Amino acid sequence: MDAKERRSAILQLLRNRTAPVTGAELAARMGVSRQVIVQDIALLRTGGQTIFATPEAWISLITLIFL
């Protein structure tokens, strides 16, 4: 999976979850380091995706709307 596919998969996973997702969980699912996930989340946010950070995890605005 290339970086673009990984970011798309991260976004889809965040949108489909009803609870925040940790960087460690995303890293394990994507087969990369937590730092790569942090960079991917930053790029997604810079690209206009609304992703909120909690003290321990991330959650998508789409998820919050449907809770």
Protein backbone atom coordinates (compact mmCIF):
# COMPACT_ATOMS: atom_id res chain seq x y z
CA MET A 1 0.00 0.00 0.00
CA ASP A 2 1.39 3.39 -0.93
CA ALA A 3 1.07 6.54 1.19
CA LYS A 4 -2.05 7.82 -0.60
CA GLU A 5 -3.83 4.49 -0.16
CA ARG A 6 -2.78 4.39 3.49
CA ARG A 7 -4.17 7.86 4.17
CA SER A 8 -7.42 6.89 2.47
CA ALA A 9 -7.62 3.74 4.61
CA ILE A 10 -6.93 5.76 7.78
CA LEU A 11 -9.68 8.21 6.92
CA GLN A 12 -12.14 5.39 6.19
CA LEU A 13 -11.28 3.66 9.46
CA LEU A 14 -11.75 6.89 11.43
CA ARG A 15 -15.11 7.50 9.77
CA ASN A 16 -16.35 3.98 10.47
CA ARG A 17 -15.44 3.90 14.16
CA THR A 18 -17.71 5.16 16.93
CA ALA A 19 -14.81 5.81 19.29
CA PRO A 20 -11.43 7.52 18.92
CA VAL A 21 -8.63 5.42 17.40
CA THR A 22 -5.13 5.46 18.87
CA GLY A 23 -2.00 6.04 16.86
CA ALA A 24 -0.69 2.66 18.01
CA GLU A 25 -3.80 0.89 16.69
CA LEU A 26 -3.62 2.70 13.35
CA ALA A 27 0.10 1.93 13.08
CA ALA A 28 -0.47 -1.77 13.75
CA ARG A 29 -3.32 -1.95 11.22
CA MET A 30 -1.35 -0.11 8.54
CA GLY A 31 1.98 -1.83 9.20
CA VAL A 32 3.89 1.41 9.78
CA SER A 33 5.27 3.30 12.76
CA ARG A 34 3.18 5.60 14.93
CA GLN A 35 5.24 8.54 13.63
CA VAL A 36 4.15 7.76 10.06
CA ILE A 37 0.53 7.82 11.28
CA VAL A 38 1.10 11.20 12.96
CA GLN A 39 2.46 12.56 9.68
CA ASP A 40 -0.43 11.06 7.71
CA ILE A 41 -3.00 12.60 10.08
CA ALA A 42 -1.25 15.98 9.72
CA LEU A 43 -1.41 15.71 5.93
CA LEU A 44 -5.08 14.72 6.01
CA ARG A 45 -5.88 17.68 8.26
CA THR A 46 -3.88 20.05 6.04
CA GLY A 47 -5.83 18.69 3.09
CA GLY A 48 -9.10 19.76 4.69
CA GLN A 49 -10.21 16.64 6.55
CA THR A 50 -11.70 17.41 9.95
CA ILE A 51 -9.97 15.06 12.35
CA PHE A 52 -10.03 15.88 16.05
CA ALA A 53 -7.27 14.88 18.42
CA THR A 54 -8.09 13.71 21.93
CA PRO A 55 -5.36 13.33 24.55
CA GLU A 56 -4.94 9.69 23.49
CA ALA A 57 -6.45 9.23 20.03
CA TRP A 58 -8.09 10.71 16.91
CA ILE A 59 -11.70 10.86 15.76
CA SER A 60 -13.30 12.09 12.53
CA LEU A 61 -15.88 14.87 12.43
CA ILE A 62 -18.13 12.51 10.44
CA THR A 63 -18.11 10.13 13.40
CA LEU A 64 -19.00 12.92 15.83
CA ILE A 65 -21.96 14.03 13.72
CA PHE A 66 -23.54 10.58 13.83
CA LEU A 67 -22.97 9.88 17.54
